[in-house]
Amino acid sequence: MSDFTSNFWSIYVAGISVVSILACALLLWFSGKVRANTSSDNTTGHVWDGDLREMNNPLPRWWVWLFVITIVFAIAYLAIYPGLGSFPGMLNEKWTQQGQYEKEVAKGKAEVAPLYAKFASMKLEDVSRDPQALAIGERLFMNNCAQCHGSDARGSRGFPNLADSDWLHGGSAEKITETLVNGRMGMMPPMAAAVGSADDVKNVANYVLSLSSSPHDSVRAALGKPKFAACAACHGMDGKGNQAMGAPNLADDVWLHGYGENAIIAMINSGKTNQMPAQGEKFSSEQIHVLAAYVWGLSNNAKAR
């Protein structure tokens, strides 16, 4: 767990705040007590070398009042605002950090609403060719999608390339919008037990490589073809996948989780679970429309050019 999601830091900061306030109060109290014990000649009563006396001049009044104001302000602040761990503050119902954030987000959305309304009335394919919409879509993508799919949208191992024609769940405008709104959960269960022995798994791996004419052992591929029936329920007998299930095409030489015999064997033995989080609650429907248009255009507009 990250330190920043632990209660430790809120307790730590709250403790420092309380100790600092008490330290200021104790300093004033101690200074006043020492002053009260001062002799009539304004000394502490300590004498060294016969005539060397320690003076006890009072603290400047402005300095004293500054500390008093500091203490009062700190106590009032911690009472009004949420500064003591889980204590919500007296203004919790009127002000919270979350409430302020939501207010600022709502204000920002209201400012850009007319612009998004213009794009909402356009077909997604037309939005994908509008320069202004593309600029907005690119920024939405860079801020929210590029962390996984890359700034060029070409993905990396485990993260799909959005700039080609290979789609796990379909690359139509409707499917891309559906993916953005609801997210996707992809799961391949471990299949080694269903395939057979370790040798059978290796044979199936070579058969999978043969589907895309990748380098493979033809003898093992021939032996692995019957065993591939355990995989055909999702990938099809021809290995071309099933977009309704999100099962990838194994015959197009596109390898999402690694290329080669060892990578395929590892996939058969261990399976894989991948998730794309839903974005429907994060973005408005108008923003989803623009973002989906940008993603759709990455592959379709590139073909047109």
Foldseek 3Di string as FASTA:
>chain_A
DDPVVDLVVLQVQLVVLVVVLVVLVVVLVVLVVQQVCADPVQFSPDDPPHHRTHGNDHDPPVVNVVSVVVNVVSVQCVQADVRRRPPHHPCNVPDDPVVVVVVVVVVVCVVCVVVLVVVVVDDLLVLLPDPVLLVLLLVVCVVPPCVACNSLSCGDAQGHRLQAQWFLQDLDLVRLLVCQAAWDKAWDAQADVQLDDLLLLLLLLQLLCVLQPHDHDVVSNVVNLVSCVSVCVAQNSSSQGDNNRSGGRSNNPDHRNDDDSVSSSCCNHGIDIHITHHCNVVDDSSSSSSNSSNSSCSHVVVVVD
